């Protein structure tokens, strides 16, 4: 069995080919040349961080399937001040257009020491931002972004840091390790 932890850079598709675009967009094949591994779950093109790839179909399903409630932790830079009301709403769960979310674990954190993003996050001196550590146990499409927006904190940068016991710690952007 092969299990790979990749630090997926911003702008990279969570698939090995890009049949939909007439222009060439970066895919996993630009970073991982290991045969017969597939992503266990997805990470949006405009998100960064931990993506697990495996050749074990059962493990892939266990990681990706929300039924297993594997915790996924994100470092999220949001626009605005993360006040108690917004954090409490995330902890209770918010209602999105596809229904209520499960409660999240969330805390405001100091800005983490991360690599620079390319392209950089827009900076506006008149608009404050904040960082959150947010853990969910489900995986809807763009869920973290939609949750923070629902409480008035649009996401500026989203980095998945942990999936279950696997972490991004020590893995540079665009590189991977066998775990």
N, C-alpha and C. Protein backbone atom coordinates (compact mmCIF):
# COMPACT_ATOMS: atom_id res chain seq x y z
N UNK A 1 0.84 -1.19 0.00
CA UNK A 1 0.00 0.00 0.00
C UNK A 1 0.88 1.24 0.00
N UNK A 2 0.51 2.22 -0.80
CA UNK A 2 1.20 3.50 -0.87
C UNK A 2 0.28 4.57 -0.32
N UNK A 3 0.82 5.44 0.56
CA UNK A 3 0.09 6.60 1.04
C UNK A 3 1.05 7.77 0.99
N UNK A 4 0.63 8.81 0.29
CA UNK A 4 1.45 10.00 0.07
C UNK A 4 0.75 11.20 0.66
N UNK A 5 1.52 12.06 1.36
CA UNK A 5 1.02 13.34 1.85
C UNK A 5 1.66 14.42 0.98
N UNK A 6 0.83 15.15 0.26
CA UNK A 6 1.28 16.21 -0.64
C UNK A 6 0.85 17.56 -0.06
N UNK A 7 1.75 18.54 -0.13
CA UNK A 7 1.38 19.92 0.17
C UNK A 7 0.99 20.56 -1.16
N UNK A 8 -0.31 20.53 -1.45
CA UNK A 8 -0.82 21.02 -2.73
C UNK A 8 -0.74 22.55 -2.76
N UNK A 9 -0.04 23.10 -3.75
CA UNK A 9 0.02 24.56 -3.86
C UNK A 9 -1.30 25.16 -4.34
N UNK A 10 -1.46 26.44 -4.10
CA UNK A 10 -2.57 27.22 -4.62
C UNK A 10 -2.59 27.10 -6.15
N UNK A 11 -3.76 26.95 -6.74
CA UNK A 11 -3.90 26.93 -8.18
C UNK A 11 -3.77 25.58 -8.85
N UNK A 12 -3.49 24.53 -8.06
CA UNK A 12 -3.32 23.19 -8.62
C UNK A 12 -4.63 22.42 -8.47
N UNK A 13 -5.05 21.75 -9.55
CA UNK A 13 -6.25 20.92 -9.50
C UNK A 13 -5.97 19.64 -8.73
N UNK A 14 -6.95 19.14 -7.99
CA UNK A 14 -6.81 17.89 -7.22
C UNK A 14 -7.13 16.67 -8.08
N UNK A 15 -6.57 16.64 -9.27
CA UNK A 15 -6.73 15.52 -10.20
C UNK A 15 -5.48 15.47 -11.06
N UNK A 16 -5.31 14.36 -11.77
CA UNK A 16 -4.09 14.17 -12.54
C UNK A 16 -4.16 14.69 -13.97
N UNK A 17 -5.36 14.95 -14.47
CA UNK A 17 -5.50 15.50 -15.82
C UNK A 17 -6.50 16.65 -15.80
N UNK A 18 -6.44 17.48 -16.81
CA UNK A 18 -7.36 18.62 -16.92
C UNK A 18 -7.98 18.60 -18.31
N UNK A 19 -9.02 17.81 -18.47
CA UNK A 19 -9.67 17.67 -19.77
C UNK A 19 -10.60 18.84 -20.08
N UNK A 20 -11.01 19.62 -19.07
CA UNK A 20 -12.00 20.66 -19.27
C UNK A 20 -11.42 21.97 -19.80
N UNK A 21 -10.15 22.19 -19.63
CA UNK A 21 -9.58 23.49 -19.97
C UNK A 21 -8.77 23.43 -21.27
N UNK A 22 -9.02 24.38 -22.18
CA UNK A 22 -8.19 24.43 -23.39
C UNK A 22 -6.78 24.93 -23.08
N UNK A 23 -6.64 25.65 -21.98
CA UNK A 23 -5.31 26.08 -21.55
C UNK A 23 -4.82 25.09 -20.49
N UNK A 24 -3.55 25.00 -20.36
CA UNK A 24 -2.96 24.03 -19.44
C UNK A 24 -2.96 24.58 -18.01
N UNK A 25 -3.70 23.92 -17.13
CA UNK A 25 -3.68 24.26 -15.71
C UNK A 25 -2.87 23.19 -14.99
N UNK A 26 -2.22 23.58 -13.90
CA UNK A 26 -1.43 22.62 -13.16
C UNK A 26 -2.33 21.58 -12.51
N UNK A 27 -1.86 20.34 -12.53
CA UNK A 27 -2.58 19.22 -11.93
C UNK A 27 -1.62 18.46 -11.01
N UNK A 28 -2.12 17.44 -10.37
CA UNK A 28 -1.28 16.61 -9.49
C UNK A 28 -0.12 15.98 -10.25
N UNK A 29 -0.32 15.71 -11.55
CA UNK A 29 0.76 15.08 -12.33
C UNK A 29 1.99 15.98 -12.46
N UNK A 30 1.83 17.28 -12.20
CA UNK A 30 2.98 18.18 -12.21
C UNK A 30 3.83 18.04 -10.94
N UNK A 31 3.30 17.33 -9.94
CA UNK A 31 3.99 17.22 -8.65
C UNK A 31 4.25 15.79 -8.20
N UNK A 32 3.39 14.86 -8.59
CA UNK A 32 3.50 13.48 -8.12
C UNK A 32 3.60 12.56 -9.34
N UNK A 33 4.70 11.82 -9.43
CA UNK A 33 4.90 10.90 -10.55
C UNK A 33 4.88 9.45 -10.05
N UNK A 34 4.06 9.16 -9.07
CA UNK A 34 3.93 7.81 -8.54
C UNK A 34 2.74 7.17 -9.25
N UNK A 35 2.94 6.00 -9.88
CA UNK A 35 1.83 5.39 -10.62
C UNK A 35 0.73 4.85 -9.71
N UNK A 36 -0.49 4.89 -10.23
CA UNK A 36 -1.67 4.27 -9.63
C UNK A 36 -2.04 4.80 -8.25
N UNK A 37 -1.71 6.05 -7.92
CA UNK A 37 -2.24 6.65 -6.69
C UNK A 37 -3.30 7.67 -7.08
N UNK A 38 -4.28 7.82 -6.22
CA UNK A 38 -5.40 8.72 -6.48
C UNK A 38 -5.69 9.51 -5.22
N UNK A 39 -6.19 10.74 -5.38
CA UNK A 39 -6.47 11.56 -4.20
C UNK A 39 -7.60 10.98 -3.37
N UNK A 40 -7.42 11.02 -2.06
CA UNK A 40 -8.45 10.62 -1.11
C UNK A 40 -9.17 11.90 -0.70
N UNK A 41 -10.17 12.26 -1.46
CA UNK A 41 -10.85 13.53 -1.24
C UNK A 41 -10.33 14.58 -2.20
N UNK A 42 -10.83 15.79 -2.00
CA UNK A 42 -10.46 16.88 -2.91
C UNK A 42 -10.03 18.09 -2.08
N UNK A 43 -9.34 18.96 -2.75
CA UNK A 43 -8.98 20.26 -2.18
C UNK A 43 -9.12 21.24 -3.33
N UNK A 44 -9.96 22.24 -3.17
CA UNK A 44 -10.25 23.17 -4.25
C UNK A 44 -8.99 23.78 -4.85
N UNK A 45 -9.09 24.17 -6.08
CA UNK A 45 -7.96 24.78 -6.79
C UNK A 45 -7.43 26.00 -6.05
N UNK A 46 -8.32 26.79 -5.44
CA UNK A 46 -7.90 28.00 -4.74
C UNK A 46 -7.60 27.76 -3.26
N UNK A 47 -7.46 26.50 -2.86
CA UNK A 47 -7.05 26.15 -1.51
C UNK A 47 -5.69 25.47 -1.58
N UNK A 48 -5.02 25.45 -0.45
CA UNK A 48 -3.67 24.87 -0.37
C UNK A 48 -3.64 23.83 0.73
N UNK A 49 -2.56 23.07 0.75
CA UNK A 49 -2.31 22.23 1.91
C UNK A 49 -2.40 20.75 1.66
N UNK A 50 -2.69 20.04 2.74
CA UNK A 50 -2.58 18.59 2.78
C UNK A 50 -3.60 17.90 1.88
N UNK A 51 -3.06 17.08 0.98
CA UNK A 51 -3.87 16.20 0.15
C UNK A 51 -3.24 14.83 0.24
N UNK A 52 -4.02 13.83 0.62
CA UNK A 52 -3.52 12.47 0.72
C UNK A 52 -3.84 11.72 -0.57
N UNK A 53 -2.87 10.93 -1.04
CA UNK A 53 -3.04 10.12 -2.24
C UNK A 53 -2.67 8.69 -1.89
N UNK A 54 -3.44 7.74 -2.41
CA UNK A 54 -3.18 6.34 -2.10
C UNK A 54 -3.56 5.44 -3.27
N UNK A 55 -3.02 4.22 -3.24
CA UNK A 55 -3.41 3.20 -4.21
C UNK A 55 -4.36 2.19 -3.58
N UNK A 56 -4.76 2.42 -2.34
CA UNK A 56 -5.64 1.52 -1.58
C UNK A 56 -7.06 2.09 -1.61
N UNK A 57 -7.94 1.46 -2.37
CA UNK A 57 -9.31 1.95 -2.52
C UNK A 57 -10.08 2.02 -1.21
N UNK A 58 -9.89 1.05 -0.33
CA UNK A 58 -10.60 1.08 0.97
C UNK A 58 -10.12 2.24 1.83
N UNK A 59 -8.82 2.46 1.85
CA UNK A 59 -8.29 3.59 2.61
C UNK A 59 -8.74 4.91 2.00
N UNK A 60 -8.73 4.97 0.69
CA UNK A 60 -9.19 6.18 0.00
C UNK A 60 -10.63 6.51 0.41
N UNK A 61 -11.50 5.51 0.44
CA UNK A 61 -12.89 5.71 0.82
C UNK A 61 -13.00 6.12 2.29
N UNK A 62 -12.21 5.50 3.15
CA UNK A 62 -12.27 5.82 4.58
C UNK A 62 -11.85 7.26 4.84
N UNK A 63 -10.87 7.75 4.11
CA UNK A 63 -10.41 9.13 4.28
C UNK A 63 -11.42 10.12 3.71
N UNK A 64 -11.96 9.80 2.54
CA UNK A 64 -12.82 10.76 1.83
C UNK A 64 -14.27 10.72 2.25
N UNK A 65 -14.78 9.59 2.71
CA UNK A 65 -16.21 9.45 2.99
C UNK A 65 -16.59 10.15 4.29
N UNK A 66 -17.51 11.13 4.23
CA UNK A 66 -17.93 11.85 5.44
C UNK A 66 -18.55 10.93 6.50
N UNK A 67 -19.00 9.74 6.12
CA UNK A 67 -19.59 8.83 7.09
C UNK A 67 -18.60 8.44 8.19
N UNK A 68 -17.30 8.47 7.87
CA UNK A 68 -16.28 8.10 8.86
C UNK A 68 -15.92 9.26 9.78
N UNK A 69 -16.40 10.48 9.46
CA UNK A 69 -16.22 11.66 10.30
C UNK A 69 -14.76 11.91 10.69
N UNK A 70 -13.85 11.68 9.74
CA UNK A 70 -12.44 11.93 9.97
C UNK A 70 -12.23 13.44 10.09
N UNK A 71 -11.65 13.92 11.19
CA UNK A 71 -11.50 15.37 11.35
C UNK A 71 -10.49 15.94 10.36
N UNK A 72 -10.86 17.09 9.80
CA UNK A 72 -9.99 17.82 8.88
C UNK A 72 -9.82 19.22 9.46
N UNK A 73 -8.55 19.61 9.68
CA UNK A 73 -8.25 20.90 10.30
C UNK A 73 -7.66 21.85 9.27
N UNK A 74 -8.19 23.06 9.27
CA UNK A 74 -7.79 24.09 8.33
C UNK A 74 -7.29 25.32 9.08
N UNK A 75 -6.29 25.98 8.49
CA UNK A 75 -5.88 27.31 8.93
C UNK A 75 -6.51 28.27 7.93
N UNK A 76 -7.34 29.18 8.44
CA UNK A 76 -8.17 30.00 7.57
C UNK A 76 -7.94 31.47 7.87
N UNK A 77 -7.50 32.21 6.86
CA UNK A 77 -7.41 33.66 6.98
C UNK A 77 -8.72 34.23 6.48
N UNK A 78 -9.36 35.02 7.32
CA UNK A 78 -10.67 35.58 6.97
C UNK A 78 -10.60 37.10 6.98
N UNK A 79 -11.50 37.69 6.23
CA UNK A 79 -11.63 39.13 6.20
C UNK A 79 -12.57 39.53 7.32
N UNK A 80 -12.13 40.44 8.17
CA UNK A 80 -12.96 40.91 9.27
C UNK A 80 -12.40 40.48 10.61
N UNK A 81 -13.12 40.86 11.65
CA UNK A 81 -12.74 40.53 13.02
C UNK A 81 -13.54 39.31 13.46
N UNK A 82 -12.85 38.28 13.91
CA UNK A 82 -13.52 37.04 14.32
C UNK A 82 -14.00 37.18 15.76
N UNK A 83 -15.18 37.73 15.92
CA UNK A 83 -15.75 37.94 17.25
C UNK A 83 -16.39 36.69 17.82
N UNK A 84 -16.77 36.76 19.08
CA UNK A 84 -17.37 35.62 19.77
C UNK A 84 -18.64 35.12 19.09
N UNK A 85 -19.48 36.03 18.60
CA UNK A 85 -20.75 35.61 17.98
C UNK A 85 -20.48 34.75 16.75
N UNK A 86 -19.53 35.15 15.91
CA UNK A 86 -19.21 34.37 14.70
C UNK A 86 -18.62 33.02 15.08
N UNK A 87 -17.69 33.01 16.04
CA UNK A 87 -17.07 31.75 16.44
C UNK A 87 -18.10 30.82 17.07
N UNK A 88 -18.99 31.37 17.90
CA UNK A 88 -20.03 30.54 18.52
C UNK A 88 -20.97 29.94 17.47
N UNK A 89 -21.30 30.73 16.44
CA UNK A 89 -22.17 30.23 15.37
C UNK A 89 -21.49 29.05 14.66
N UNK A 90 -20.20 29.16 14.38
CA UNK A 90 -19.47 28.06 13.73
C UNK A 90 -19.45 26.83 14.64
N UNK A 91 -19.30 27.06 15.95
CA UNK A 91 -19.27 25.94 16.90
C UNK A 91 -20.62 25.23 17.00
N UNK A 92 -21.69 25.95 16.77
CA UNK A 92 -23.03 25.34 16.81
C UNK A 92 -23.36 24.66 15.48
N UNK A 93 -22.73 25.13 14.41
CA UNK A 93 -23.09 24.70 13.06
C UNK A 93 -23.91 25.79 12.41
N UNK A 94 -23.69 26.02 11.14
CA UNK A 94 -24.41 27.07 10.43
C UNK A 94 -25.27 26.43 9.35
N UNK A 95 -26.30 27.15 8.94
CA UNK A 95 -27.16 26.65 7.88
C UNK A 95 -26.69 27.22 6.55
N UNK A 96 -26.39 26.31 5.63
CA UNK A 96 -25.97 26.67 4.28
C UNK A 96 -27.12 26.37 3.33
N UNK A 97 -26.97 26.71 2.06
CA UNK A 97 -28.07 26.46 1.11
C UNK A 97 -28.37 24.98 0.93
N UNK A 98 -27.43 24.09 1.31
CA UNK A 98 -27.70 22.65 1.23
C UNK A 98 -27.94 22.03 2.61
N UNK A 99 -28.31 22.87 3.58
CA UNK A 99 -28.68 22.37 4.90
C UNK A 99 -27.68 22.76 5.98
N UNK A 100 -28.00 22.39 7.22
CA UNK A 100 -27.13 22.74 8.34
C UNK A 100 -25.84 21.91 8.35
N UNK A 101 -24.78 22.53 8.81
CA UNK A 101 -23.50 21.83 8.97
C UNK A 101 -23.44 21.23 10.36
N UNK A 102 -22.56 20.28 10.52
CA UNK A 102 -22.25 19.79 11.86
C UNK A 102 -21.48 20.88 12.60
N UNK A 103 -21.52 20.86 13.92
CA UNK A 103 -20.71 21.84 14.67
C UNK A 103 -19.23 21.69 14.32
N UNK A 104 -18.54 22.82 14.27
CA UNK A 104 -17.10 22.85 14.00
C UNK A 104 -16.36 23.16 15.29
N UNK A 105 -15.12 22.71 15.36
CA UNK A 105 -14.23 23.17 16.41
C UNK A 105 -13.51 24.36 15.81
N UNK A 106 -13.51 25.49 16.49
CA UNK A 106 -12.89 26.68 15.92
C UNK A 106 -12.32 27.56 17.02
N UNK A 107 -11.17 28.15 16.71
CA UNK A 107 -10.57 29.12 17.62
C UNK A 107 -9.83 30.16 16.80
N UNK A 108 -9.81 31.38 17.31
CA UNK A 108 -9.00 32.43 16.71
C UNK A 108 -7.55 32.16 17.10
N UNK A 109 -6.64 32.32 16.15
CA UNK A 109 -5.22 32.06 16.40
C UNK A 109 -4.38 33.23 15.90
N UNK A 110 -3.14 33.31 16.37
CA UNK A 110 -2.20 34.27 15.82
C UNK A 110 -1.87 33.85 14.39
N UNK A 111 -1.46 34.79 13.54
CA UNK A 111 -1.09 34.40 12.18
C UNK A 111 -0.03 33.30 12.20
N UNK A 112 -0.28 32.18 11.53
CA UNK A 112 0.69 31.08 11.54
C UNK A 112 1.89 31.40 10.65
N UNK A 113 2.98 30.72 10.91
CA UNK A 113 4.16 30.87 10.06
C UNK A 113 4.01 29.93 8.87
N UNK A 114 3.55 30.50 7.77
CA UNK A 114 3.34 29.73 6.55
C UNK A 114 4.21 30.30 5.44
N UNK A 115 4.36 29.54 4.38
CA UNK A 115 5.06 29.97 3.19
C UNK A 115 4.26 31.10 2.53
N UNK A 116 4.91 31.96 1.77
CA UNK A 116 4.16 32.99 1.04
C UNK A 116 3.28 32.34 -0.03
N UNK A 117 2.11 32.88 -0.22
CA UNK A 117 1.23 32.35 -1.26
C UNK A 117 1.49 33.06 -2.57
N UNK A 118 1.44 32.31 -3.65
CA UNK A 118 1.61 32.88 -4.97
C UNK A 118 0.37 32.59 -5.80
N UNK A 119 -0.43 33.59 -6.17
CA UNK A 119 -0.24 35.01 -5.91
C UNK A 119 -0.56 35.36 -4.46
N UNK A 120 -0.02 36.48 -3.98
CA UNK A 120 -0.27 36.85 -2.59
C UNK A 120 -1.73 37.22 -2.35
N UNK A 121 -2.12 37.12 -1.09
CA UNK A 121 -3.46 37.56 -0.67
C UNK A 121 -3.53 39.07 -0.82
N UNK A 122 -4.67 39.55 -1.28
CA UNK A 122 -4.81 41.01 -1.39
C UNK A 122 -4.76 41.61 0.01
N UNK A 123 -4.12 42.72 0.12
CA UNK A 123 -4.00 43.40 1.41
C UNK A 123 -4.70 44.75 1.31
N UNK A 124 -5.59 45.03 2.25
CA UNK A 124 -6.27 46.32 2.29
C UNK A 124 -6.11 46.87 3.70
N UNK A 125 -5.42 47.97 3.82
CA UNK A 125 -5.12 48.55 5.13
C UNK A 125 -6.39 48.89 5.90
N UNK A 126 -7.47 49.20 5.20
CA UNK A 126 -8.70 49.62 5.88
C UNK A 126 -9.57 48.44 6.31
N UNK A 127 -9.21 47.22 5.93
CA UNK A 127 -10.03 46.05 6.26
C UNK A 127 -9.19 45.07 7.09
N UNK A 128 -9.60 44.83 8.34
CA UNK A 128 -8.83 43.89 9.16
C UNK A 128 -9.01 42.45 8.69
N UNK A 129 -8.09 41.59 9.10
CA UNK A 129 -8.25 40.17 8.85
C UNK A 129 -7.89 39.41 10.11
N UNK A 130 -8.22 38.14 10.12
CA UNK A 130 -7.96 37.29 11.29
C UNK A 130 -7.67 35.88 10.80
N UNK A 131 -7.06 35.09 11.67
CA UNK A 131 -6.79 33.69 11.38
C UNK A 131 -7.58 32.81 12.33
N UNK A 132 -8.10 31.71 11.78
CA UNK A 132 -8.84 30.72 12.56
C UNK A 132 -8.20 29.35 12.36
N UNK A 133 -8.30 28.51 13.38
CA UNK A 133 -8.04 27.07 13.24
C UNK A 133 -9.41 26.42 13.33
N UNK A 134 -9.84 25.78 12.24
CA UNK A 134 -11.19 25.26 12.15
C UNK A 134 -11.15 23.79 11.78
N UNK A 135 -11.85 22.97 12.54
CA UNK A 135 -11.90 21.52 12.29
C UNK A 135 -13.33 21.11 12.01
N UNK A 136 -13.51 20.40 10.89
CA UNK A 136 -14.83 19.87 10.53
C UNK A 136 -14.72 18.36 10.37
N UNK A 137 -15.87 17.70 10.41
CA UNK A 137 -15.93 16.24 10.27
C UNK A 137 -16.88 15.83 9.15
N UNK A 138 -16.99 16.69 8.17
CA UNK A 138 -17.76 16.39 6.96
C UNK A 138 -17.01 17.06 5.82
N UNK A 139 -17.47 16.95 4.62
CA UNK A 139 -16.69 17.48 3.51
C UNK A 139 -17.53 17.90 2.33
N UNK A 140 -18.39 18.87 2.54
CA UNK A 140 -19.19 19.37 1.43
C UNK A 140 -18.34 20.26 0.52
N UNK A 141 -18.84 20.49 -0.66
CA UNK A 141 -18.16 21.34 -1.62
C UNK A 141 -17.94 22.74 -1.04
N UNK A 142 -16.69 23.17 -0.98
CA UNK A 142 -16.30 24.51 -0.52
C UNK A 142 -16.88 24.84 0.85
N UNK A 143 -16.99 23.83 1.69
CA UNK A 143 -17.69 23.98 2.96
C UNK A 143 -17.09 25.03 3.88
N UNK A 144 -15.79 25.00 4.09
CA UNK A 144 -15.20 25.97 5.03
C UNK A 144 -15.42 27.39 4.53
N UNK A 145 -15.21 27.62 3.26
CA UNK A 145 -15.44 28.96 2.70
C UNK A 145 -16.89 29.40 2.89
N UNK A 146 -17.81 28.49 2.65
CA UNK A 146 -19.23 28.84 2.79
C UNK A 146 -19.60 29.06 4.26
N UNK A 147 -18.99 28.30 5.17
CA UNK A 147 -19.28 28.47 6.60
C UNK A 147 -18.79 29.82 7.10
N UNK A 148 -17.55 30.18 6.75
CA UNK A 148 -17.04 31.47 7.24
C UNK A 148 -17.82 32.62 6.62
N UNK A 149 -18.19 32.51 5.35
CA UNK A 149 -18.99 33.56 4.71
C UNK A 149 -20.35 33.70 5.39
N UNK A 150 -20.92 32.58 5.82
CA UNK A 150 -22.24 32.60 6.46
C UNK A 150 -22.24 33.37 7.77
N UNK A 151 -21.07 33.47 8.41
CA UNK A 151 -20.98 34.23 9.67
C UNK A 151 -20.32 35.59 9.46
N UNK A 152 -20.24 36.03 8.18
CA UNK A 152 -19.73 37.36 7.88
C UNK A 152 -18.23 37.48 7.81
N UNK A 153 -17.53 36.34 7.63
CA UNK A 153 -16.07 36.35 7.57
C UNK A 153 -15.60 35.66 6.28
N UNK A 154 -15.60 36.37 5.16
CA UNK A 154 -15.17 35.74 3.91
C UNK A 154 -13.73 35.23 4.00
N UNK A 155 -13.50 34.06 3.43
CA UNK A 155 -12.18 33.45 3.45
C UNK A 155 -11.26 34.11 2.44
N UNK A 156 -10.06 34.46 2.90
CA UNK A 156 -9.02 35.01 2.03
C UNK A 156 -8.01 33.93 1.64
N UNK A 157 -7.65 33.10 2.61
CA UNK A 157 -6.68 32.02 2.37
C UNK A 157 -7.11 30.80 3.16
N UNK A 158 -7.00 29.64 2.54
CA UNK A 158 -7.43 28.39 3.17
C UNK A 158 -6.34 27.34 2.99
N UNK A 159 -5.82 26.86 4.12
CA UNK A 159 -4.75 25.86 4.12
C UNK A 159 -5.22 24.67 4.95
N UNK A 160 -5.38 23.51 4.31
CA UNK A 160 -5.71 22.31 5.09
C UNK A 160 -4.43 21.83 5.75
N UNK A 161 -4.45 21.74 7.08
CA UNK A 161 -3.26 21.41 7.83
C UNK A 161 -3.23 19.95 8.27
N UNK A 162 -4.40 19.38 8.54
CA UNK A 162 -4.43 18.02 9.10
C UNK A 162 -5.66 17.28 8.59
N UNK A 163 -5.47 15.97 8.36
CA UNK A 163 -6.56 15.03 8.10
C UNK A 163 -6.35 13.87 9.06
N UNK A 164 -7.24 13.69 10.02
CA UNK A 164 -7.05 12.64 11.02
C UNK A 164 -5.71 12.82 11.72
N UNK A 165 -4.87 11.81 11.68
CA UNK A 165 -3.55 11.88 12.31
C UNK A 165 -2.46 12.37 11.37
N UNK A 166 -2.78 12.57 10.09
CA UNK A 166 -1.78 13.00 9.11
C UNK A 166 -1.73 14.53 9.09
N UNK A 167 -0.53 15.07 9.05
CA UNK A 167 -0.36 16.51 9.10
C UNK A 167 0.58 17.01 8.01
N UNK A 168 0.50 18.29 7.77
CA UNK A 168 1.32 18.95 6.77
C UNK A 168 2.68 19.34 7.33
N UNK A 169 2.85 19.21 8.61
CA UNK A 169 4.07 19.67 9.29
C UNK A 169 5.33 19.16 8.59
N UNK A 170 6.20 20.08 8.19
CA UNK A 170 7.48 19.73 7.58
C UNK A 170 7.44 19.44 6.09
N UNK A 171 6.29 19.60 5.44
CA UNK A 171 6.18 19.33 4.00
C UNK A 171 6.07 20.67 3.27
N UNK A 172 7.06 20.99 2.48
CA UNK A 172 7.07 22.26 1.75
C UNK A 172 6.03 22.25 0.62
N UNK A 173 5.54 23.41 0.22
CA UNK A 173 4.59 23.47 -0.88
C UNK A 173 5.14 22.80 -2.15
N UNK A 174 4.30 21.99 -2.78
CA UNK A 174 4.69 21.33 -4.02
C UNK A 174 5.52 20.08 -3.80
N UNK A 175 5.74 19.68 -2.55
CA UNK A 175 6.50 18.46 -2.27
C UNK A 175 5.61 17.47 -1.55
N UNK A 176 6.09 16.22 -1.51
CA UNK A 176 5.31 15.16 -0.88
C UNK A 176 6.25 14.19 -0.17
N UNK A 177 5.66 13.44 0.77
CA UNK A 177 6.38 12.39 1.48
C UNK A 177 5.49 11.15 1.54
N UNK A 178 6.13 9.99 1.61
CA UNK A 178 5.38 8.74 1.87
C UNK A 178 5.13 8.67 3.36
N UNK A 179 3.91 8.31 3.72
CA UNK A 179 3.57 8.19 5.14
C UNK A 179 3.06 6.81 5.45
